[in-house]
PDB file of N, CA and C in Angstrom:
ATOM      1  N   UNK A   1     144.023 145.837 169.729  1.00  0.00           N
ATOM      2  CA  UNK A   1     143.198 146.781 170.458  1.00  0.00           C
ATOM      3  C   UNK A   1     143.987 147.294 171.661  1.00  0.00           C
ATOM      4  N   UNK A   2     143.881 148.566 171.883  1.00  0.00           N
ATOM      5  CA  UNK A   2     144.544 149.178 173.030  1.00  0.00           C
ATOM      6  C   UNK A   2     143.525 149.287 174.167  1.00  0.00           C
ATOM      7  N   UNK A   3     143.912 148.811 175.349  1.00  0.00           N
ATOM      8  CA  UNK A   3     143.011 148.814 176.496  1.00  0.00           C
ATOM      9  C   UNK A   3     143.265 150.048 177.355  1.00  0.00           C
ATOM     10  N   UNK A   4     142.186 150.655 177.811  1.00  0.00           N
ATOM     11  CA  UNK A   4     142.299 151.888 178.592  1.00  0.00           C
ATOM     12  C   UNK A   4     142.795 151.604 180.003  1.00  0.00           C
ATOM     13  N   UNK A   5     143.356 152.629 180.610  1.00  0.00           N
ATOM     14  CA  UNK A   5     143.781 152.521 182.003  1.00  0.00           C
ATOM     15  C   UNK A   5     142.590 152.266 182.916  1.00  0.00           C
ATOM     16  N   UNK A   6     141.425 152.777 182.529  1.00  0.00           N
ATOM     17  CA  UNK A   6     140.206 152.554 183.324  1.00  0.00           C
ATOM     18  C   UNK A   6     139.904 151.060 183.430  1.00  0.00           C
ATOM     19  N   UNK A   7     139.983 150.355 182.306  1.00  0.00           N
ATOM     20  CA  UNK A   7     139.724 148.909 182.300  1.00  0.00           C
ATOM     21  C   UNK A   7     140.793 148.189 183.132  1.00  0.00           C
ATOM     22  N   UNK A   8     142.036 148.548 182.914  1.00  0.00           N
ATOM     23  CA  UNK A   8     143.128 147.908 183.663  1.00  0.00           C
ATOM     24  C   UNK A   8     142.968 148.139 185.165  1.00  0.00           C
ATOM     25  N   UNK A   9     142.597 149.357 185.555  1.00  0.00           N
ATOM     26  CA  UNK A   9     142.399 149.658 186.979  1.00  0.00           C
ATOM     27  C   UNK A   9     141.226 148.878 187.548  1.00  0.00           C
ATOM     28  N   UNK A  10     140.171 148.718 186.753  1.00  0.00           N
ATOM     29  CA  UNK A  10     139.012 147.934 187.200  1.00  0.00           C
ATOM     30  C   UNK A  10     139.444 146.496 187.497  1.00  0.00           C
ATOM     31  N   UNK A  11     140.277 145.938 186.619  1.00  0.00           N
ATOM     32  CA  UNK A  11     140.753 144.566 186.816  1.00  0.00           C
ATOM     33  C   UNK A  11     141.713 144.464 187.995  1.00  0.00           C
ATOM     34  N   UNK A  12     142.513 145.494 188.212  1.00  0.00           N
ATOM     35  CA  UNK A  12     143.413 145.498 189.372  1.00  0.00           C
ATOM     36  C   UNK A  12     142.609 145.534 190.673  1.00  0.00           C
ATOM     37  N   UNK A  13     141.497 146.291 190.675  1.00  0.00           N
ATOM     38  CA  UNK A  13     140.634 146.317 191.864  1.00  0.00           C
ATOM     39  C   UNK A  13     140.032 144.936 192.099  1.00  0.00           C
ATOM     40  N   UNK A  14     139.597 144.286 191.027  1.00  0.00           N
ATOM     41  CA  UNK A  14     139.022 142.940 191.148  1.00  0.00           C
ATOM     42  C   UNK A  14     140.077 141.970 191.677  1.00  0.00           C
ATOM     43  N   UNK A  15     141.308 142.124 191.197  1.00  0.00           N
ATOM     44  CA  UNK A  15     142.405 141.280 191.679  1.00  0.00           C
ATOM     45  C   UNK A  15     142.595 141.469 193.184  1.00  0.00           C
ATOM     46  N   UNK A  16     142.540 142.707 193.627  1.00  0.00           N
ATOM     47  CA  UNK A  16     142.654 142.998 195.054  1.00  0.00           C
ATOM     48  C   UNK A  16     141.497 142.405 195.842  1.00  0.00           C
ATOM     49  N   UNK A  17     140.305 142.455 195.265  1.00  0.00           N
ATOM     50  CA  UNK A  17     139.146 141.863 195.926  1.00  0.00           C
ATOM     51  C   UNK A  17     139.326 140.351 196.077  1.00  0.00           C
ATOM     52  N   UNK A  18     139.854 139.701 195.040  1.00  0.00           N
ATOM     53  CA  UNK A  18     140.073 138.253 195.115  1.00  0.00           C
ATOM     54  C   UNK A  18     141.081 137.936 196.223  1.00  0.00           C
ATOM     55  N   UNK A  19     142.139 138.727 196.311  1.00  0.00           N
ATOM     56  CA  UNK A  19     143.104 138.518 197.393  1.00  0.00           C
ATOM     57  C   UNK A  19     142.434 138.677 198.764  1.00  0.00           C
ATOM     58  N   UNK A  20     141.532 139.662 198.847  1.00  0.00           N
ATOM     59  CA  UNK A  20     140.798 139.871 200.091  1.00  0.00           C
ATOM     60  C   UNK A  20     139.900 138.693 200.417  1.00  0.00           C
ATOM     61  N   UNK A  21     139.301 138.112 199.400  1.00  0.00           N
ATOM     62  CA  UNK A  21     138.440 136.942 199.606  1.00  0.00           C
ATOM     63  C   UNK A  21     139.270 135.769 200.108  1.00  0.00           C
ATOM     64  N   UNK A  22     140.430 135.572 199.520  1.00  0.00           N
ATOM     65  CA  UNK A  22     141.309 134.490 199.986  1.00  0.00           C
ATOM     66  C   UNK A  22     141.705 134.692 201.442  1.00  0.00           C
ATOM     67  N   UNK A  23     141.962 135.945 201.802  1.00  0.00           N
ATOM     68  CA  UNK A  23     142.301 136.262 203.192  1.00  0.00           C
ATOM     69  C   UNK A  23     141.109 135.959 204.100  1.00  0.00           C
ATOM     70  N   UNK A  24     139.906 136.315 203.636  1.00  0.00           N
ATOM     71  CA  UNK A  24     138.697 136.014 204.409  1.00  0.00           C
ATOM     72  C   UNK A  24     138.557 134.511 204.629  1.00  0.00           C
ATOM     73  N   UNK A  25     138.872 133.736 203.602  1.00  0.00           N
ATOM     74  CA  UNK A  25     138.788 132.278 203.723  1.00  0.00           C
ATOM     75  C   UNK A  25     139.816 131.762 204.729  1.00  0.00           C
ATOM     76  N   UNK A  26     141.035 132.303 204.672  1.00  0.00           N
ATOM     77  CA  UNK A  26     142.070 131.904 205.629  1.00  0.00           C
ATOM     78  C   UNK A  26     141.655 132.236 207.058  1.00  0.00           C
ATOM     79  N   UNK A  27     140.886 133.309 207.208  1.00  0.00           N
ATOM     80  CA  UNK A  27     140.419 133.737 208.528  1.00  0.00           C
ATOM     81  C   UNK A  27     139.094 133.076 208.903  1.00  0.00           C
ATOM     82  N   UNK A  28     138.630 132.141 208.063  1.00  0.00           N
ATOM     83  CA  UNK A  28     137.384 131.391 208.303  1.00  0.00           C
ATOM     84  C   UNK A  28     136.176 132.302 208.490  1.00  0.00           C
ATOM     85  N   UNK A  29     136.103 133.345 207.665  1.00  0.00           N
ATOM     86  CA  UNK A  29     134.949 134.248 207.716  1.00  0.00           C
ATOM     87  C   UNK A  29     133.699 133.492 207.279  1.00  0.00           C
ATOM     88  N   UNK A  30     132.558 134.014 207.665  1.00  0.00           N
ATOM     89  CA  UNK A  30     131.268 133.394 207.358  1.00  0.00           C
ATOM     90  C   UNK A  30     131.078 133.276 205.848  1.00  0.00           C
ATOM     91  N   UNK A  31     130.502 132.166 205.413  1.00  0.00           N
ATOM     92  CA  UNK A  31     130.339 131.921 203.973  1.00  0.00           C
ATOM     93  C   UNK A  31     129.481 132.994 203.310  1.00  0.00           C
ATOM     94  N   UNK A  32     128.530 133.554 204.031  1.00  0.00           N
ATOM     95  CA  UNK A  32     127.685 134.612 203.485  1.00  0.00           C
ATOM     96  C   UNK A  32     128.534 135.807 203.053  1.00  0.00           C
ATOM     97  N   UNK A  33     129.501 136.157 203.877  1.00  0.00           N
ATOM     98  CA  UNK A  33     130.378 137.281 203.570  1.00  0.00           C
ATOM     99  C   UNK A  33     131.290 136.967 202.384  1.00  0.00           C
ATOM    100  N   UNK A  34     131.798 135.734 202.334  1.00  0.00           N
ATOM    101  CA  UNK A  34     132.676 135.316 201.237  1.00  0.00           C
ATOM    102  C   UNK A  34     131.899 135.330 199.922  1.00  0.00           C
ATOM    103  N   UNK A  35     130.712 134.762 199.940  1.00  0.00           N
ATOM    104  CA  UNK A  35     129.895 134.706 198.722  1.00  0.00           C
ATOM    105  C   UNK A  35     129.510 136.110 198.267  1.00  0.00           C
ATOM    106  N   UNK A  36     129.237 136.980 199.214  1.00  0.00           N
ATOM    107  CA  UNK A  36     128.907 138.360 198.880  1.00  0.00           C
ATOM    108  C   UNK A  36     130.071 139.030 198.143  1.00  0.00           C
ATOM    109  N   UNK A  37     131.270 138.813 198.630  1.00  0.00           N
ATOM    110  CA  UNK A  37     132.450 139.398 197.981  1.00  0.00           C
ATOM    111  C   UNK A  37     132.730 138.751 196.628  1.00  0.00           C
ATOM    112  N   UNK A  38     132.506 137.441 196.522  1.00  0.00           N
ATOM    113  CA  UNK A  38     132.670 136.763 195.234  1.00  0.00           C
ATOM    114  C   UNK A  38     131.695 137.326 194.206  1.00  0.00           C
ATOM    115  N   UNK A  39     130.488 137.593 194.647  1.00  0.00           N
ATOM    116  CA  UNK A  39     129.480 138.176 193.760  1.00  0.00           C
ATOM    117  C   UNK A  39     129.906 139.566 193.294  1.00  0.00           C
ATOM    118  N   UNK A  40     130.489 140.336 194.196  1.00  0.00           N
ATOM    119  CA  UNK A  40     130.965 141.680 193.834  1.00  0.00           C
ATOM    120  C   UNK A  40     132.077 141.593 192.788  1.00  0.00           C
ATOM    121  N   UNK A  41     132.982 140.623 192.934  1.00  0.00           N
ATOM    122  CA  UNK A  41     134.062 140.443 191.960  1.00  0.00           C
ATOM    123  C   UNK A  41     133.476 140.038 190.611  1.00  0.00           C
ATOM    124  N   UNK A  42     132.526 139.113 190.626  1.00  0.00           N
ATOM    125  CA  UNK A  42     131.909 138.682 189.375  1.00  0.00           C
ATOM    126  C   UNK A  42     131.243 139.862 188.672  1.00  0.00           C
ATOM    127  N   UNK A  43     130.547 140.701 189.413  1.00  0.00           N
ATOM    128  CA  UNK A  43     129.906 141.875 188.815  1.00  0.00           C
ATOM    129  C   UNK A  43     130.940 142.832 188.223  1.00  0.00           C
ATOM    130  N   UNK A  44     132.048 143.014 188.919  1.00  0.00           N
ATOM    131  CA  UNK A  44     133.101 143.900 188.414  1.00  0.00           C
ATOM    132  C   UNK A  44     133.693 143.344 187.121  1.00  0.00           C
ATOM    133  N   UNK A  45     133.898 142.036 187.078  1.00  0.00           N
ATOM    134  CA  UNK A  45     134.438 141.411 185.872  1.00  0.00           C
ATOM    135  C   UNK A  45     133.437 141.476 184.722  1.00  0.00           C
ATOM    136  N   UNK A  46     132.161 141.277 185.028  1.00  0.00           N
ATOM    137  CA  UNK A  46     131.123 141.384 183.988  1.00  0.00           C
ATOM    138  C   UNK A  46     131.120 142.780 183.372  1.00  0.00           C
ATOM    139  N   UNK A  47     131.267 143.792 184.206  1.00  0.00           N
ATOM    140  CA  UNK A  47     131.306 145.168 183.701  1.00  0.00           C
ATOM    141  C   UNK A  47     132.535 145.397 182.832  1.00  0.00           C
ATOM    142  N   UNK A  48     133.664 144.831 183.247  1.00  0.00           N
ATOM    143  CA  UNK A  48     134.889 144.968 182.451  1.00  0.00           C
ATOM    144  C   UNK A  48     134.715 144.287 181.096  1.00  0.00           C
ATOM    145  N   UNK A  49     134.123 143.108 181.089  1.00  0.00           N
ATOM    146  CA  UNK A  49     133.879 142.395 179.834  1.00  0.00           C
ATOM    147  C   UNK A  49     132.991 143.232 178.926  1.00  0.00           C
ATOM    148  N   UNK A  50     131.925 143.764 179.476  1.00  0.00           N
ATOM    149  CA  UNK A  50     130.994 144.568 178.680  1.00  0.00           C
ATOM    150  C   UNK A  50     131.689 145.791 178.092  1.00  0.00           C
ATOM    151  N   UNK A  51     132.519 146.450 178.890  1.00  0.00           N
ATOM    152  CA  UNK A  51     133.235 147.624 178.397  1.00  0.00           C
ATOM    153  C   UNK A  51     134.208 147.264 177.282  1.00  0.00           C
ATOM    154  N   UNK A  52     134.919 146.164 177.452  1.00  0.00           N
ATOM    155  CA  UNK A  52     135.883 145.742 176.430  1.00  0.00           C
ATOM    156  C   UNK A  52     135.175 145.393 175.139  1.00  0.00           C
ATOM    157  N   UNK A  53     134.071 144.653 175.233  1.00  0.00           N
ATOM    158  CA  UNK A  53     133.320 144.277 174.035  1.00  0.00           C
ATOM    159  C   UNK A  53     132.753 145.519 173.356  1.00  0.00           C
ATOM    160  N   UNK A  54     132.219 146.443 174.136  1.00  0.00           N
ATOM    161  CA  UNK A  54     131.648 147.670 173.561  1.00  0.00           C
ATOM    162  C   UNK A  54     132.724 148.508 172.865  1.00  0.00           C
ATOM    163  N   UNK A  55     133.891 148.628 173.495  1.00  0.00           N
ATOM    164  CA  UNK A  55     134.971 149.397 172.887  1.00  0.00           C
ATOM    165  C   UNK A  55     135.436 148.743 171.589  1.00  0.00           C
ATOM    166  N   UNK A  56     135.541 147.427 171.598  1.00  0.00           N
ATOM    167  CA  UNK A  56     135.962 146.700 170.413  1.00  0.00           C
ATOM    168  C   UNK A  56     134.927 146.850 169.299  1.00  0.00           C
ATOM    169  N   UNK A  57     133.659 146.744 169.644  1.00  0.00           N
ATOM    170  CA  UNK A  57     132.588 146.891 168.662  1.00  0.00           C
ATOM    171  C   UNK A  57     132.645 148.277 168.029  1.00  0.00           C
ATOM    172  N   UNK A  58     132.778 149.287 168.855  1.00  0.00           N
ATOM    173  CA  UNK A  58     132.852 150.661 168.352  1.00  0.00           C
ATOM    174  C   UNK A  58     134.054 150.834 167.423  1.00  0.00           C
ATOM    175  N   UNK A  59     135.192 150.302 167.828  1.00  0.00           N
ATOM    176  CA  UNK A  59     136.408 150.418 167.020  1.00  0.00           C
ATOM    177  C   UNK A  59     136.234 149.712 165.676  1.00  0.00           C
ATOM    178  N   UNK A  60     135.662 148.516 165.669  1.00  0.00           N
ATOM    179  CA  UNK A  60     135.463 147.765 164.418  1.00  0.00           C
ATOM    180  C   UNK A  60     134.519 148.505 163.476  1.00  0.00           C
ATOM    181  N   UNK A  61     133.440 149.044 164.017  1.00  0.00           N
ATOM    182  CA  UNK A  61     132.466 149.761 163.184  1.00  0.00           C
ATOM    183  C   UNK A  61     133.097 151.030 162.608  1.00  0.00           C
ATOM    184  N   UNK A  62     133.835 151.757 163.431  1.00  0.00           N
ATOM    185  CA  UNK A  62     134.494 152.979 162.944  1.00  0.00           C
ATOM    186  C   UNK A  62     135.517 152.663 161.854  1.00  0.00           C
ATOM    187  N   UNK A  63     136.245 151.570 162.013  1.00  0.00           N
ATOM    188  CA  UNK A  63     137.216 151.175 160.991  1.00  0.00           C
ATOM    189  C   UNK A  63     136.523 150.821 159.686  1.00  0.00           C
ATOM    190  N   UNK A  64     135.393 150.130 159.759  1.00  0.00           N
ATOM    191  CA  UNK A  64     134.643 149.772 158.557  1.00  0.00           C
ATOM    192  C   UNK A  64     134.085 151.023 157.873  1.00  0.00           C
ATOM    193  N   UNK A  65     133.598 151.957 158.672  1.00  0.00           N
ATOM    194  CA  UNK A  65     133.082 153.199 158.104  1.00  0.00           C
ATOM    195  C   UNK A  65     134.184 153.989 157.422  1.00  0.00           C
ATOM    196  N   UNK A  66     135.379 153.983 158.011  1.00  0.00           N
ATOM    197  CA  UNK A  66     136.509 154.696 157.417  1.00  0.00           C
ATOM    198  C   UNK A  66     136.895 154.091 156.068  1.00  0.00           C
ATOM    199  N   UNK A  67     136.657 152.784 155.933  1.00  0.00           N
ATOM    200  CA  UNK A  67     136.936 152.107 154.665  1.00  0.00           C
ATOM    201  C   UNK A  67     135.791 152.273 153.674  1.00  0.00           C
ATOM    202  N   UNK A  68     134.703 152.892 154.133  1.00  0.00           N
ATOM    203  CA  UNK A  68     133.546 153.075 153.268  1.00  0.00           C
ATOM    204  C   UNK A  68     132.646 151.865 153.207  1.00  0.00           C
ATOM    205  N   UNK A  69     132.746 151.000 154.211  1.00  0.00           N
ATOM    206  CA  UNK A  69     131.935 149.778 154.255  1.00  0.00           C
ATOM    207  C   UNK A  69     131.063 149.804 155.498  1.00  0.00           C
ATOM    208  N   UNK A  70     129.798 150.108 155.345  1.00  0.00           N
ATOM    209  CA  UNK A  70     128.879 150.094 156.486  1.00  0.00           C
ATOM    210  C   UNK A  70     128.190 148.744 156.645  1.00  0.00           C
ATOM    211  N   UNK A  71     128.265 147.909 155.647  1.00  0.00           N
ATOM    212  CA  UNK A  71     127.520 146.648 155.672  1.00  0.00           C
ATOM    213  C   UNK A  71     128.047 145.650 156.691  1.00  0.00           C
ATOM    214  N   UNK A  72     129.278 145.800 157.162  1.00  0.00           N
ATOM    215  CA  UNK A  72     129.851 144.856 158.112  1.00  0.00           C
ATOM    216  C   UNK A  72     129.399 145.065 159.540  1.00  0.00           C
ATOM    217  N   UNK A  73     128.670 146.129 159.806  1.00  0.00           N
ATOM    218  CA  UNK A  73     128.259 146.454 161.168  1.00  0.00           C
ATOM    219  C   UNK A  73     127.425 145.359 161.805  1.00  0.00           C
ATOM    220  N   UNK A  74     126.515 144.782 161.043  1.00  0.00           N
ATOM    221  CA  UNK A  74     125.669 143.722 161.592  1.00  0.00           C
ATOM    222  C   UNK A  74     126.509 142.541 162.067  1.00  0.00           C
ATOM    223  N   UNK A  75     127.531 142.203 161.294  1.00  0.00           N
ATOM    224  CA  UNK A  75     128.409 141.088 161.660  1.00  0.00           C
ATOM    225  C   UNK A  75     129.119 141.385 162.975  1.00  0.00           C
ATOM    226  N   UNK A  76     129.593 142.613 163.144  1.00  0.00           N
ATOM    227  CA  UNK A  76     130.301 142.980 164.362  1.00  0.00           C
ATOM    228  C   UNK A  76     129.373 142.969 165.575  1.00  0.00           C
ATOM    229  N   UNK A  77     128.144 143.416 165.385  1.00  0.00           N
ATOM    230  CA  UNK A  77     127.170 143.399 166.482  1.00  0.00           C
ATOM    231  C   UNK A  77     126.880 141.963 166.895  1.00  0.00           C
ATOM    232  N   UNK A  78     126.695 141.087 165.932  1.00  0.00           N
ATOM    233  CA  UNK A  78     126.449 139.675 166.235  1.00  0.00           C
ATOM    234  C   UNK A  78     127.620 139.061 166.993  1.00  0.00           C
ATOM    235  N   UNK A  79     128.842 139.362 166.567  1.00  0.00           N
ATOM    236  CA  UNK A  79     130.026 138.848 167.252  1.00  0.00           C
ATOM    237  C   UNK A  79     130.102 139.379 168.685  1.00  0.00           C
ATOM    238  N   UNK A  80     129.757 140.646 168.863  1.00  0.00           N
ATOM    239  CA  UNK A  80     129.787 141.242 170.198  1.00  0.00           C
ATOM    240  C   UNK A  80     128.764 140.561 171.105  1.00  0.00           C
ATOM    241  N   UNK A  81     127.589 140.324 170.589  1.00  0.00           N
ATOM    242  CA  UNK A  81     126.545 139.648 171.374  1.00  0.00           C
ATOM    243  C   UNK A  81     127.000 138.239 171.739  1.00  0.00           C
ATOM    244  N   UNK A  82     127.610 137.554 170.778  1.00  0.00           N
ATOM    245  CA  UNK A  82     128.106 136.205 171.021  1.00  0.00           C
ATOM    246  C   UNK A  82     129.159 136.196 172.129  1.00  0.00           C
ATOM    247  N   UNK A  83     130.058 137.170 172.109  1.00  0.00           N
ATOM    248  CA  UNK A  83     131.081 137.273 173.157  1.00  0.00           C
ATOM    249  C   UNK A  83     130.443 137.486 174.532  1.00  0.00           C
ATOM    250  N   UNK A  84     129.436 138.354 174.577  1.00  0.00           N
ATOM    251  CA  UNK A  84     128.779 138.616 175.863  1.00  0.00           C
ATOM    252  C   UNK A  84     128.040 137.389 176.377  1.00  0.00           C
ATOM    253  N   UNK A  85     127.403 136.664 175.489  1.00  0.00           N
ATOM    254  CA  UNK A  85     126.682 135.452 175.887  1.00  0.00           C
ATOM    255  C   UNK A  85     127.669 134.402 176.392  1.00  0.00           C
ATOM    256  N   UNK A  86     128.785 134.234 175.701  1.00  0.00           N
ATOM    257  CA  UNK A  86     129.791 133.265 176.116  1.00  0.00           C
ATOM    258  C   UNK A  86     130.386 133.620 177.475  1.00  0.00           C
ATOM    259  N   UNK A  87     130.461 134.901 177.778  1.00  0.00           N
ATOM    260  CA  UNK A  87     131.073 135.323 179.040  1.00  0.00           C
ATOM    261  C   UNK A  87     130.208 134.991 180.243  1.00  0.00           C
ATOM    262  N   UNK A  88     128.974 134.665 180.010  1.00  0.00           N
ATOM    263  CA  UNK A  88     128.078 134.300 181.120  1.00  0.00           C
ATOM    264  C   UNK A  88     127.989 132.825 181.172  1.00  0.00           C
TER     265      UNK A  88
END
């Protein structure tokens, strides 16, 4: 699977946020502020996971349709749901 620049940029922003959180910890910032930023990173990662799973699901279904097999769609949807559940 080829990953879009949008997804990669989203992860780079999250990486920067984590570095910022570490800096906040080094500066002994209030735990409320640290937890708030950690929550923002988690939300960004959750969105990235959802986008990756959705793109993969779409790609798998399109490939099956191109082969003339529509019956595999249910299996791909179940796998996508399983991936999302595991990510939480």
